[in-house]
Amino acid sequence: YRKVPYAEYADKTSLGHAIGKEFRASLAVTDENLAKLILNK
């Protein structure tokens, strides 16, 4: 609806561990350039 890129990736534990948390089901990237870099990866 808001035209924000969306991806399903990894599991909750891996996603959380990557950002220094225990586990996370969702996250948002707030920097445009970093978001583009992650999309490329």
Full PDB file with SEQRES, HELIX, SHEET, SSBOND, CRYST1, ORIGX, SCALE, CONECT and MASTER records, all heavy atoms in Angstrom:
SEQRES   1 A   41  TYR ARG LYS VAL PRO TYR ALA GLU TYR ALA ASP LYS THR          
SEQRES   2 A   41  SER LEU GLY HIS ALA ILE GLY LYS GLU PHE ARG ALA SER          
SEQRES   3 A   41  LEU ALA VAL THR ASP GLU ASN LEU ALA LYS LEU ILE LEU          
SEQRES   4 A   41  ASN LYS                                                      
HELIX    1 AA1 LYS A   12  ALA A   18  1                                   7    
HELIX    2 AA2 GLU A   32  ASN A   40  1                                   9    
CRYST1    1.000    1.000    1.000  90.00  90.00  90.00 P 1           1          
ORIGX1      1.000000  0.000000  0.000000        0.00000                         
ORIGX2      0.000000  1.000000  0.000000        0.00000                         
ORIGX3      0.000000  0.000000  1.000000        0.00000                         
SCALE1      1.000000  0.000000  0.000000        0.00000                         
SCALE2      0.000000  1.000000  0.000000        0.00000                         
SCALE3      0.000000  0.000000  1.000000        0.00000                         
ATOM      1  N   TYR A   1       0.823  -1.209   0.000  1.00  0.00           N  
ATOM      2  CA  TYR A   1       0.000   0.000   0.000  1.00  0.00           C  
ATOM      3  C   TYR A   1       0.866   1.272   0.000  1.00  0.00           C  
ATOM      4  O   TYR A   1       0.557   2.237  -0.686  1.00  0.00           O  
ATOM      5  CB  TYR A   1      -0.933  -0.011   1.214  1.00  0.00           C  
ATOM      6  CG  TYR A   1      -1.810   1.209   1.322  1.00  0.00           C  
ATOM      7  CD1 TYR A   1      -2.908   1.364   0.478  1.00  0.00           C  
ATOM      8  CD2 TYR A   1      -1.538   2.199   2.252  1.00  0.00           C  
ATOM      9  CE1 TYR A   1      -3.726   2.492   0.567  1.00  0.00           C  
ATOM     10  CE2 TYR A   1      -2.348   3.328   2.347  1.00  0.00           C  
ATOM     11  CZ  TYR A   1      -3.436   3.462   1.512  1.00  0.00           C  
ATOM     12  OH  TYR A   1      -4.227   4.583   1.597  1.00  0.00           O  
ATOM     13  N   ARG A   2       1.956   1.248   0.758  1.00  0.00           N  
ATOM     14  CA  ARG A   2       2.817   2.431   0.878  1.00  0.00           C  
ATOM     15  C   ARG A   2       4.035   2.389  -0.041  1.00  0.00           C  
ATOM     16  O   ARG A   2       4.910   3.238   0.042  1.00  0.00           O  
ATOM     17  CB  ARG A   2       3.244   2.592   2.331  1.00  0.00           C  
ATOM     18  CG  ARG A   2       2.057   3.008   3.205  1.00  0.00           C  
ATOM     19  CD  ARG A   2       2.425   3.115   4.656  1.00  0.00           C  
ATOM     20  NE  ARG A   2       1.317   3.631   5.451  1.00  0.00           N  
ATOM     21  CZ  ARG A   2       0.310   2.893   5.881  1.00  0.00           C  
ATOM     22  NH1 ARG A   2       0.233   1.609   5.596  1.00  0.00           N  
ATOM     23  NH2 ARG A   2      -0.652   3.433   6.607  1.00  0.00           N  
ATOM     24  N   LYS A   3       4.085   1.369  -0.902  1.00  0.00           N  
ATOM     25  CA  LYS A   3       5.169   1.207  -1.875  1.00  0.00           C  
ATOM     26  C   LYS A   3       6.554   1.146  -1.220  1.00  0.00           C  
ATOM     27  O   LYS A   3       7.495   1.802  -1.647  1.00  0.00           O  
ATOM     28  CB  LYS A   3       5.106   2.301  -2.942  1.00  0.00           C  
ATOM     29  CG  LYS A   3       3.850   2.243  -3.782  1.00  0.00           C  
ATOM     30  CD  LYS A   3       3.782   3.354  -4.787  1.00  0.00           C  
ATOM     31  CE  LYS A   3       2.604   3.296  -5.696  1.00  0.00           C  
ATOM     32  NZ  LYS A   3       1.317   3.026  -5.168  1.00  0.00           N  
ATOM     33  N   VAL A   4       6.645   0.353  -0.169  1.00  0.00           N  
ATOM     34  CA  VAL A   4       7.913   0.117   0.528  1.00  0.00           C  
ATOM     35  C   VAL A   4       8.390  -1.280   0.140  1.00  0.00           C  
ATOM     36  O   VAL A   4       7.618  -2.228   0.216  1.00  0.00           O  
ATOM     37  CB  VAL A   4       7.720   0.194   2.069  1.00  0.00           C  
ATOM     38  CG1 VAL A   4       9.004  -0.174   2.790  1.00  0.00           C  
ATOM     39  CG2 VAL A   4       7.242   1.577   2.479  1.00  0.00           C  
ATOM     40  N   PRO A   5       9.646  -1.436  -0.286  1.00  0.00           N  
ATOM     41  CA  PRO A   5      10.146  -2.778  -0.605  1.00  0.00           C  
ATOM     42  C   PRO A   5      10.014  -3.712   0.593  1.00  0.00           C  
ATOM     43  O   PRO A   5      10.245  -3.315   1.737  1.00  0.00           O  
ATOM     44  CB  PRO A   5      11.618  -2.541  -0.947  1.00  0.00           C  
ATOM     45  CG  PRO A   5      11.692  -1.106  -1.351  1.00  0.00           C  
ATOM     46  CD  PRO A   5      10.652  -0.400  -0.519  1.00  0.00           C  
ATOM     47  N   TYR A   6       9.634  -4.953   0.312  1.00  0.00           N  
ATOM     48  CA  TYR A   6       9.366  -5.952   1.348  1.00  0.00           C  
ATOM     49  C   TYR A   6      10.097  -7.239   0.983  1.00  0.00           C  
ATOM     50  O   TYR A   6      10.117  -7.636  -0.175  1.00  0.00           O  
ATOM     51  CB  TYR A   6       7.855  -6.200   1.402  1.00  0.00           C  
ATOM     52  CG  TYR A   6       7.433  -7.391   2.221  1.00  0.00           C  
ATOM     53  CD1 TYR A   6       7.249  -7.282   3.586  1.00  0.00           C  
ATOM     54  CD2 TYR A   6       7.229  -8.627   1.619  1.00  0.00           C  
ATOM     55  CE1 TYR A   6       6.856  -8.373   4.342  1.00  0.00           C  
ATOM     56  CE2 TYR A   6       6.829  -9.728   2.364  1.00  0.00           C  
ATOM     57  CZ  TYR A   6       6.654  -9.598   3.722  1.00  0.00           C  
ATOM     58  OH  TYR A   6       6.278 -10.681   4.467  1.00  0.00           O  
ATOM     59  N   ALA A   7      10.702  -7.867   1.980  1.00  0.00           N  
ATOM     60  CA  ALA A   7      11.368  -9.150   1.750  1.00  0.00           C  
ATOM     61  C   ALA A   7      11.141 -10.069   2.944  1.00  0.00           C  
ATOM     62  O   ALA A   7      11.034  -9.612   4.072  1.00  0.00           O  
ATOM     63  CB  ALA A   7      12.860  -8.935   1.542  1.00  0.00           C  
ATOM     64  N   GLU A   8      11.062 -11.355   2.657  1.00  0.00           N  
ATOM     65  CA  GLU A   8      11.054 -12.372   3.705  1.00  0.00           C  
ATOM     66  C   GLU A   8      12.405 -13.049   3.632  1.00  0.00           C  
ATOM     67  O   GLU A   8      12.819 -13.516   2.572  1.00  0.00           O  
ATOM     68  CB  GLU A   8       9.928 -13.382   3.466  1.00  0.00           C  
ATOM     69  CG  GLU A   8       8.563 -12.773   3.658  1.00  0.00           C  
ATOM     70  CD  GLU A   8       7.432 -13.746   3.343  1.00  0.00           C  
ATOM     71  OE1 GLU A   8       7.683 -14.963   3.223  1.00  0.00           O  
ATOM     72  OE2 GLU A   8       6.299 -13.264   3.201  1.00  0.00           O  
ATOM     73  N   TYR A   9      13.112 -13.050   4.781  1.00  0.00           N  
ATOM     74  CA  TYR A   9      14.471 -13.572   4.757  1.00  0.00           C  
ATOM     75  C   TYR A   9      14.874 -14.110   6.121  1.00  0.00           C  
ATOM     76  O   TYR A   9      14.517 -13.530   7.149  1.00  0.00           O  
ATOM     77  CB  TYR A   9      15.447 -12.453   4.339  1.00  0.00           C  
ATOM     78  CG  TYR A   9      16.834 -12.951   4.067  1.00  0.00           C  
ATOM     79  CD1 TYR A   9      17.136 -13.594   2.879  1.00  0.00           C  
ATOM     80  CD2 TYR A   9      17.831 -12.803   5.017  1.00  0.00           C  
ATOM     81  CE1 TYR A   9      18.402 -14.066   2.634  1.00  0.00           C  
ATOM     82  CE2 TYR A   9      19.112 -13.277   4.783  1.00  0.00           C  
ATOM     83  CZ  TYR A   9      19.385 -13.907   3.585  1.00  0.00           C  
ATOM     84  OH  TYR A   9      20.638 -14.393   3.345  1.00  0.00           O  
ATOM     85  N   ALA A  10      15.632 -15.161   6.121  1.00  0.00           N  
ATOM     86  CA  ALA A  10      16.211 -15.779   7.316  1.00  0.00           C  
ATOM     87  C   ALA A  10      15.125 -16.209   8.303  1.00  0.00           C  
ATOM     88  O   ALA A  10      13.937 -16.159   8.011  1.00  0.00           O  
ATOM     89  CB  ALA A  10      17.223 -14.852   7.978  1.00  0.00           C  
ATOM     90  N   ASP A  11      15.548 -16.642   9.471  1.00  0.00           N  
ATOM     91  CA  ASP A  11      14.595 -16.994  10.519  1.00  0.00           C  
ATOM     92  C   ASP A  11      14.681 -15.944  11.626  1.00  0.00           C  
ATOM     93  O   ASP A  11      15.568 -15.092  11.608  1.00  0.00           O  
ATOM     94  CB  ASP A  11      14.845 -18.405  11.059  1.00  0.00           C  
ATOM     95  CG  ASP A  11      16.260 -18.605  11.560  1.00  0.00           C  
ATOM     96  OD1 ASP A  11      16.743 -17.748  12.327  1.00  0.00           O  
ATOM     97  OD2 ASP A  11      16.885 -19.608  11.197  1.00  0.00           O  
ATOM     98  N   LYS A  12      13.754 -16.011  12.565  1.00  0.00           N  
ATOM     99  CA  LYS A  12      13.686 -14.998  13.631  1.00  0.00           C  
ATOM    100  C   LYS A  12      14.986 -14.903  14.418  1.00  0.00           C  
ATOM    101  O   LYS A  12      15.448 -13.799  14.726  1.00  0.00           O  
ATOM    102  CB  LYS A  12      12.549 -15.321  14.608  1.00  0.00           C  
ATOM    103  CG  LYS A  12      11.171 -15.199  14.043  1.00  0.00           C  
ATOM    104  CD  LYS A  12      10.163 -15.601  15.106  1.00  0.00           C  
ATOM    105  CE  LYS A  12       8.800 -15.854  14.531  1.00  0.00           C  
ATOM    106  NZ  LYS A  12       7.867 -16.322  15.566  1.00  0.00           N  
ATOM    107  N   THR A  13      15.579 -16.035  14.724  1.00  0.00           N  
ATOM    108  CA  THR A  13      16.811 -16.051  15.507  1.00  0.00           C  
ATOM    109  C   THR A  13      17.958 -15.409  14.735  1.00  0.00           C  
ATOM    110  O   THR A  13      18.687 -14.569  15.273  1.00  0.00           O  
ATOM    111  CB  THR A  13      17.168 -17.492  15.918  1.00  0.00           C  
ATOM    112  OG1 THR A  13      16.059 -18.060  16.614  1.00  0.00           O  
ATOM    113  CG2 THR A  13      18.394 -17.522  16.805  1.00  0.00           C  
ATOM    114  N   SER A  14      18.130 -15.768  13.477  1.00  0.00           N  
ATOM    115  CA  SER A  14      19.214 -15.212  12.653  1.00  0.00           C  
ATOM    116  C   SER A  14      19.029 -13.716  12.435  1.00  0.00           C  
ATOM    117  O   SER A  14      19.987 -12.948  12.495  1.00  0.00           O  
ATOM    118  CB  SER A  14      19.269 -15.911  11.290  1.00  0.00           C  
ATOM    119  OG  SER A  14      19.548 -17.273  11.445  1.00  0.00           O  
ATOM    120  N   LEU A  15      17.794 -13.314  12.176  1.00  0.00           N  
ATOM    121  CA  LEU A  15      17.501 -11.896  11.957  1.00  0.00           C  
ATOM    122  C   LEU A  15      17.799 -11.097  13.221  1.00  0.00           C  
ATOM    123  O   LEU A  15      18.438 -10.041  13.162  1.00  0.00           O  
ATOM    124  CB  LEU A  15      16.027 -11.751  11.559  1.00  0.00           C  
ATOM    125  CG  LEU A  15      15.618 -10.568  10.701  1.00  0.00           C  
ATOM    126  CD1 LEU A  15      16.429 -10.505   9.422  1.00  0.00           C  
ATOM    127  CD2 LEU A  15      14.142 -10.651  10.368  1.00  0.00           C  
ATOM    128  N   GLY A  16      17.367 -11.597  14.359  1.00  0.00           N  
ATOM    129  CA  GLY A  16      17.626 -10.927  15.627  1.00  0.00           C  
ATOM    130  C   GLY A  16      19.108 -10.892  15.952  1.00  0.00           C  
ATOM    131  O   GLY A  16      19.645  -9.859  16.355  1.00  0.00           O  
ATOM    132  N   HIS A  17      19.785 -12.017  15.766  1.00  0.00           N  
ATOM    133  CA  HIS A  17      21.220 -12.094  16.067  1.00  0.00           C  
ATOM    134  C   HIS A  17      22.011 -11.094  15.218  1.00  0.00           C  
ATOM    135  O   HIS A  17      22.957 -10.477  15.701  1.00  0.00           O  
ATOM    136  CB  HIS A  17      21.724 -13.522  15.833  1.00  0.00           C  
ATOM    137  CG  HIS A  17      23.155 -13.709  16.162  1.00  0.00           C  
ATOM    138  ND1 HIS A  17      23.639 -13.683  17.453  1.00  0.00           N  
ATOM    139  CD2 HIS A  17      24.230 -13.901  15.357  1.00  0.00           C  
ATOM    140  CE1 HIS A  17      24.945 -13.858  17.428  1.00  0.00           C  
ATOM    141  NE2 HIS A  17      25.325 -13.992  16.169  1.00  0.00           N  
ATOM    142  N   ALA A  18      21.610 -10.933  13.954  1.00  0.00           N  
ATOM    143  CA  ALA A  18      22.312 -10.012  13.049  1.00  0.00           C  
ATOM    144  C   ALA A  18      22.272  -8.568  13.545  1.00  0.00           C  
ATOM    145  O   ALA A  18      23.203  -7.799  13.312  1.00  0.00           O  
ATOM    146  CB  ALA A  18      21.710 -10.088  11.643  1.00  0.00           C  
ATOM    147  N   ILE A  19      21.201  -8.205  14.253  1.00  0.00           N  
ATOM    148  CA  ILE A  19      21.078  -6.821  14.729  1.00  0.00           C  
ATOM    149  C   ILE A  19      21.357  -6.694  16.225  1.00  0.00           C  
ATOM    150  O   ILE A  19      21.081  -5.657  16.829  1.00  0.00           O  
ATOM    151  CB  ILE A  19      19.694  -6.220  14.378  1.00  0.00           C  
ATOM    152  CG1 ILE A  19      18.561  -6.990  15.051  1.00  0.00           C  
ATOM    153  CG2 ILE A  19      19.508  -6.155  12.869  1.00  0.00           C  
ATOM    154  CD1 ILE A  19      17.207  -6.312  14.947  1.00  0.00           C  
ATOM    155  N   GLY A  20      21.894  -7.766  16.811  1.00  0.00           N  
ATOM    156  CA  GLY A  20      22.286  -7.707  18.216  1.00  0.00           C  
ATOM    157  C   GLY A  20      21.152  -7.916  19.203  1.00  0.00           C  
ATOM    158  O   GLY A  20      21.234  -7.487  20.349  1.00  0.00           O  
ATOM    159  N   LYS A  21      20.098  -8.578  18.783  1.00  0.00           N  
ATOM    160  CA  LYS A  21      18.951  -8.873  19.647  1.00  0.00           C  
ATOM    161  C   LYS A  21      18.797 -10.387  19.745  1.00  0.00           C  
ATOM    162  O   LYS A  21      19.455 -11.140  19.042  1.00  0.00           O  
ATOM    163  CB  LYS A  21      17.658  -8.271  19.076  1.00  0.00           C  
ATOM    164  CG  LYS A  21      17.731  -6.797  18.747  1.00  0.00           C  
ATOM    165  CD  LYS A  21      17.732  -5.965  19.981  1.00  0.00           C  
ATOM    166  CE  LYS A  21      17.741  -4.477  19.580  1.00  0.00           C  
ATOM    167  NZ  LYS A  21      17.827  -3.612  20.716  1.00  0.00           N  
ATOM    168  N   GLU A  22      17.893 -10.837  20.623  1.00  0.00           N  
ATOM    169  CA  GLU A  22      17.692 -12.276  20.775  1.00  0.00           C  
ATOM    170  C   GLU A  22      16.999 -12.867  19.542  1.00  0.00           C  
ATOM    171  O   GLU A  22      17.507 -13.770  18.913  1.00  0.00           O  
ATOM    172  CB  GLU A  22      16.880 -12.556  22.025  1.00  0.00           C  
ATOM    173  CG  GLU A  22      16.830 -14.028  22.359  1.00  0.00           C  
ATOM    174  CD  GLU A  22      16.164 -14.290  23.688  1.00  0.00           C  
ATOM    175  OE1 GLU A  22      16.164 -13.397  24.548  1.00  0.00           O  
ATOM    176  OE2 GLU A  22      15.641 -15.392  23.852  1.00  0.00           O  
ATOM    177  N   PHE A  23      15.829 -12.379  19.207  1.00  0.00           N  
ATOM    178  CA  PHE A  23      15.144 -12.778  17.978  1.00  0.00           C  
ATOM    179  C   PHE A  23      14.188 -11.673  17.572  1.00  0.00           C  
ATOM    180  O   PHE A  23      13.711 -10.911  18.403  1.00  0.00           O  
ATOM    181  CB  PHE A  23      14.404 -14.120  18.132  1.00  0.00           C  
ATOM    182  CG  PHE A  23      13.341 -14.125  19.181  1.00  0.00           C  
ATOM    183  CD1 PHE A  23      12.046 -13.750  18.864  1.00  0.00           C  
ATOM    184  CD2 PHE A  23      13.628 -14.506  20.476  1.00  0.00           C  
ATOM    185  CE1 PHE A  23      11.053 -13.754  19.838  1.00  0.00           C  
ATOM    186  CE2 PHE A  23      12.645 -14.514  21.461  1.00  0.00           C  
ATOM    187  CZ  PHE A  23      11.360 -14.143  21.132  1.00  0.00           C  
ATOM    188  N   ARG A  24      13.952 -11.556  16.282  1.00  0.00           N  
ATOM    189  CA  ARG A  24      13.057 -10.541  15.741  1.00  0.00           C  
ATOM    190  C   ARG A  24      12.316 -11.106  14.546  1.00  0.00           C  
ATOM    191  O   ARG A  24      12.906 -11.754  13.685  1.00  0.00           O  
ATOM    192  CB  ARG A  24      13.828  -9.299  15.267  1.00  0.00           C  
ATOM    193  CG  ARG A  24      14.350  -8.419  16.377  1.00  0.00           C  
ATOM    194  CD  ARG A  24      13.180  -7.773  17.132  1.00  0.00           C  
ATOM    195  NE  ARG A  24      13.619  -6.847  18.136  1.00  0.00           N  
ATOM    196  CZ  ARG A  24      13.777  -7.124  19.420  1.00  0.00           C  
ATOM    197  NH1 ARG A  24      13.565  -8.348  19.854  1.00  0.00           N  
ATOM    198  NH2 ARG A  24      14.153  -6.214  20.274  1.00  0.00           N  
ATOM    199  N   ALA A  25      11.001 -10.856  14.488  1.00  0.00           N  
ATOM    200  CA  ALA A  25      10.188 -11.306  13.359  1.00  0.00           C  
ATOM    201  C   ALA A  25      10.157 -10.269  12.246  1.00  0.00           C  
ATOM    202  O   ALA A  25       9.936 -10.607  11.090  1.00  0.00           O  
ATOM    203  CB  ALA A  25       8.770 -11.609  13.819  1.00  0.00           C  
ATOM    204  N   SER A  26      10.396  -8.995  12.593  1.00  0.00           N  
ATOM    205  CA  SER A  26      10.331  -7.948  11.569  1.00  0.00           C  
ATOM    206  C   SER A  26      11.287  -6.815  11.904  1.00  0.00           C  
ATOM    207  O   SER A  26      11.589  -6.562  13.067  1.00  0.00           O  
ATOM    208  CB  SER A  26       8.906  -7.407  11.450  1.00  0.00           C  
ATOM    209  OG  SER A  26       8.510  -6.823  12.674  1.00  0.00           O  
ATOM    210  N   LEU A  27      11.740  -6.155  10.843  1.00  0.00           N  
ATOM    211  CA  LEU A  27      12.572  -4.967  11.018  1.00  0.00           C  
ATOM    212  C   LEU A  27      12.417  -4.060   9.809  1.00  0.00           C  
ATOM    213  O   LEU A  27      12.004  -4.490   8.736  1.00  0.00           O  
ATOM    214  CB  LEU A  27      14.041  -5.341  11.246  1.00  0.00           C  
ATOM    215  CG  LEU A  27      14.797  -6.130  10.189  1.00  0.00           C  
ATOM    216  CD1 LEU A  27      15.357  -5.217   9.101  1.00  0.00           C  
ATOM    217  CD2 LEU A  27      15.955  -6.863  10.840  1.00  0.00           C  
ATOM    218  N   ALA A  28      12.722  -2.787  10.018  1.00  0.00           N  
ATOM    219  CA  ALA A  28      12.659  -1.804   8.937  1.00  0.00           C  
ATOM    220  C   ALA A  28      14.000  -1.085   8.858  1.00  0.00           C  
ATOM    221  O   ALA A  28      14.604  -0.764   9.873  1.00  0.00           O  
ATOM    222  CB  ALA A  28      11.543  -0.797   9.186  1.00  0.00           C  
ATOM    223  N   VAL A  29      14.451  -0.849   7.633  1.00  0.00           N  
ATOM    224  CA  VAL A  29      15.681  -0.099   7.389  1.00  0.00           C  
ATOM    225  C   VAL A  29      15.274   1.340   7.103  1.00  0.00           C  
ATOM    226  O   VAL A  29      14.449   1.594   6.224  1.00  0.00           O  
ATOM    227  CB  VAL A  29      16.471  -0.681   6.191  1.00  0.00           C  
ATOM    228  CG1 VAL A  29      17.766   0.077   5.974  1.00  0.00           C  
ATOM    229  CG2 VAL A  29      16.733  -2.171   6.390  1.00  0.00           C  
ATOM    230  N   THR A  30      15.852   2.283   7.852  1.00  0.00           N  
ATOM    231  CA  THR A  30      15.440   3.689   7.737  1.00  0.00           C  
ATOM    232  C   THR A  30      16.381   4.538   6.905  1.00  0.00           C  
ATOM    233  O   THR A  30      16.119   5.721   6.703  1.00  0.00           O  
ATOM    234  CB  THR A  30      15.292   4.317   9.136  1.00  0.00           C  
ATOM    235  OG1 THR A  30      16.540   4.211   9.817  1.00  0.00           O  
ATOM    236  CG2 THR A  30      14.194   3.624   9.937  1.00  0.00           C  
ATOM    237  N   ASP A  31      17.463   3.956   6.401  1.00  0.00           N  
ATOM    238  CA  ASP A  31      18.398   4.691   5.554  1.00  0.00           C  
ATOM    239  C   ASP A  31      18.257   4.187   4.116  1.00  0.00           C  
ATOM    240  O   ASP A  31      18.359   2.984   3.868  1.00  0.00           O  
ATOM    241  CB  ASP A  31      19.843   4.492   6.041  1.00  0.00           C  
ATOM    242  CG  ASP A  31      20.843   5.235   5.177  1.00  0.00           C  
ATOM    243  OD1 ASP A  31      20.996   6.448   5.384  1.00  0.00           O  
ATOM    244  OD2 ASP A  31      21.447   4.587   4.297  1.00  0.00           O  
ATOM    245  N   GLU A  32      18.032   5.092   3.190  1.00  0.00           N  
ATOM    246  CA  GLU A  32      17.772   4.711   1.798  1.00  0.00           C  
ATOM    247  C   GLU A  32      18.945   3.969   1.162  1.00  0.00           C  
ATOM    248  O   GLU A  32      18.764   2.955   0.484  1.00  0.00           O  
ATOM    249  CB  GLU A  32      17.423   5.960   0.982  1.00  0.00           C  
ATOM    250  CG  GLU A  32      16.993   5.652  -0.437  1.00  0.00           C  
ATOM    251  CD  GLU A  32      16.527   6.884  -1.190  1.00  0.00           C  
ATOM    252  OE1 GLU A  32      16.617   8.004  -0.665  1.00  0.00           O  
ATOM    253  OE2 GLU A  32      16.067   6.690  -2.332  1.00  0.00           O  
ATOM    254  N   ASN A  33      20.165   4.465   1.366  1.00  0.00           N  
ATOM    255  CA  ASN A  33      21.333   3.828   0.752  1.00  0.00           C  
ATOM    256  C   ASN A  33      21.597   2.435   1.313  1.00  0.00           C  
ATOM    257  O   ASN A  33      21.937   1.517   0.561  1.00  0.00           O  
ATOM    258  CB  ASN A  33      22.576   4.717   0.905  1.00  0.00           C  
ATOM    259  CG  ASN A  33      22.455   5.981   0.083  1.00  0.00           C  
ATOM    260  OD1 ASN A  33      21.907   5.964  -1.016  1.00  0.00           O  
ATOM    261  ND2 ASN A  33      22.944   7.083   0.622  1.00  0.00           N  
ATOM    262  N   LEU A  34      21.460   2.279   2.621  1.00  0.00           N  
ATOM    263  CA  LEU A  34      21.638   0.956   3.216  1.00  0.00           C  
ATOM    264  C   LEU A  34      20.539   0.004   2.752  1.00  0.00           C  
ATOM    265  O   LEU A  34      20.784  -1.180   2.514  1.00  0.00           O  
ATOM    266  CB  LEU A  34      21.668   1.049   4.739  1.00  0.00           C  
ATOM    267  CG  LEU A  34      22.957   1.628   5.326  1.00  0.00           C  
ATOM    268  CD1 LEU A  34      22.791   1.921   6.816  1.00  0.00           C  
ATOM    269  CD2 LEU A  34      24.130   0.691   5.095  1.00  0.00           C  
ATOM    270  N   ALA A  35      19.321   0.519   2.598  1.00  0.00           N  
ATOM    271  CA  ALA A  35      18.213  -0.307   2.103  1.00  0.00           C  
ATOM    272  C   ALA A  35      18.521  -0.806   0.688  1.00  0.00           C  
ATOM    273  O   ALA A  35      18.313  -1.982   0.374  1.00  0.00           O  
ATOM    274  CB  ALA A  35      16.910   0.477   2.118  1.00  0.00           C  
ATOM    275  N   LYS A  36      19.056   0.072  -0.159  1.00  0.00           N  
ATOM    276  CA  LYS A  36      19.422  -0.327  -1.530  1.00  0.00           C  
ATOM    277  C   LYS A  36      20.515  -1.386  -1.511  1.00  0.00           C  
ATOM    278  O   LYS A  36      20.481  -2.338  -2.291  1.00  0.00           O  
ATOM    279  CB  LYS A  36      19.882   0.891  -2.333  1.00  0.00           C  
ATOM    280  CG  LYS A  36      18.752   1.805  -2.739  1.00  0.00           C  
ATOM    281  CD  LYS A  36      19.274   3.010  -3.497  1.00  0.00           C  
ATOM    282  CE  LYS A  36      18.171   3.993  -3.805  1.00  0.00           C  
ATOM    283  NZ  LYS A  36      18.680   5.211  -4.468  1.00  0.00           N  
ATOM    284  N   LEU A  37      21.499  -1.211  -0.631  1.00  0.00           N  
ATOM    285  CA  LEU A  37      22.585  -2.179  -0.516  1.00  0.00           C  
ATOM    286  C   LEU A  37      22.048  -3.547  -0.083  1.00  0.00           C  
ATOM    287  O   LEU A  37      22.421  -4.580  -0.647  1.00  0.00           O  
ATOM    288  CB  LEU A  37      23.641  -1.666   0.472  1.00  0.00           C  
ATOM    289  CG  LEU A  37      24.878  -2.539   0.673  1.00  0.00           C  
ATOM    290  CD1 LEU A  37      25.618  -2.744  -0.642  1.00  0.00           C  
ATOM    291  CD2 LEU A  37      25.798  -1.895   1.698  1.00  0.00           C  
ATOM    292  N   ILE A  38      21.165  -3.559   0.897  1.00  0.00           N  
ATOM    293  CA  ILE A  38      20.580  -4.825   1.362  1.00  0.00           C  
ATOM    294  C   ILE A  38      19.742  -5.463   0.247  1.00  0.00           C  
ATOM    295  O   ILE A  38      19.802  -6.677   0.030  1.00  0.00           O  
ATOM    296  CB  ILE A  38      19.751  -4.622   2.647  1.00  0.00           C  
ATOM    297  CG1 ILE A  38      20.678  -4.218   3.802  1.00  0.00           C  
ATOM    298  CG2 ILE A  38      18.969  -5.888   3.002  1.00  0.00           C  
ATOM    299  CD1 ILE A  38      19.966  -3.739   5.054  1.00  0.00           C  
ATOM    300  N   LEU A  39      18.977  -4.652  -0.482  1.00  0.00           N  
ATOM    301  CA  LEU A  39      18.193  -5.184  -1.602  1.00  0.00           C  
ATOM    302  C   LEU A  39      19.098  -5.814  -2.655  1.00  0.00           C  
ATOM    303  O   LEU A  39      18.779  -6.874  -3.198  1.00  0.00           O  
ATOM    304  CB  LEU A  39      17.338  -4.075  -2.235  1.00  0.00           C  
ATOM    305  CG  LEU A  39      16.055  -3.735  -1.495  1.00  0.00           C  
ATOM    306  CD1 LEU A  39      15.434  -2.465  -2.054  1.00  0.00           C  
ATOM    307  CD2 LEU A  39      15.063  -4.893  -1.581  1.00  0.00           C  
ATOM    308  N   ASN A  40      20.232  -5.178  -2.937  1.00  0.00           N  
ATOM    309  CA  ASN A  40      21.186  -5.748  -3.889  1.00  0.00           C  
ATOM    310  C   ASN A  40      21.700  -7.094  -3.404  1.00  0.00           C  
ATOM    311  O   ASN A  40      21.814  -8.044  -4.182  1.00  0.00           O  
ATOM    312  CB  ASN A  40      22.363  -4.797  -4.128  1.00  0.00           C  
ATOM    313  CG  ASN A  40      21.983  -3.613  -4.980  1.00  0.00           C  
ATOM    314  OD1 ASN A  40      21.006  -3.658  -5.720  1.00  0.00           O  
ATOM    315  ND2 ASN A  40      22.749  -2.546  -4.882  1.00  0.00           N  
ATOM    316  N   LYS A  41      22.015  -7.185  -2.117  1.00  0.00           N  
ATOM    317  CA  LYS A  41      22.498  -8.449  -1.550  1.00  0.00           C  
ATOM    318  C   LYS A  41      21.397  -9.512  -1.593  1.00  0.00           C  
ATOM    319  O   LYS A  41      21.672 -10.685  -1.845  1.00  0.00           O  
ATOM    320  CB  LYS A  41      22.996  -8.265  -0.111  1.00  0.00           C  
ATOM    321  CG  LYS A  41      24.183  -7.333   0.020  1.00  0.00           C  
ATOM    322  CD  LYS A  41      25.383  -7.834  -0.733  1.00  0.00           C  
ATOM    323  CE  LYS A  41      26.547  -6.875  -0.617  1.00  0.00           C  
ATOM    324  NZ  LYS A  41      27.625  -7.180  -1.546  1.00  0.00           N  
TER     325      LYS A  41                                                      
MASTER        0    0    0    2    0    0    0    6  324    1    0    4          
END                                                                             
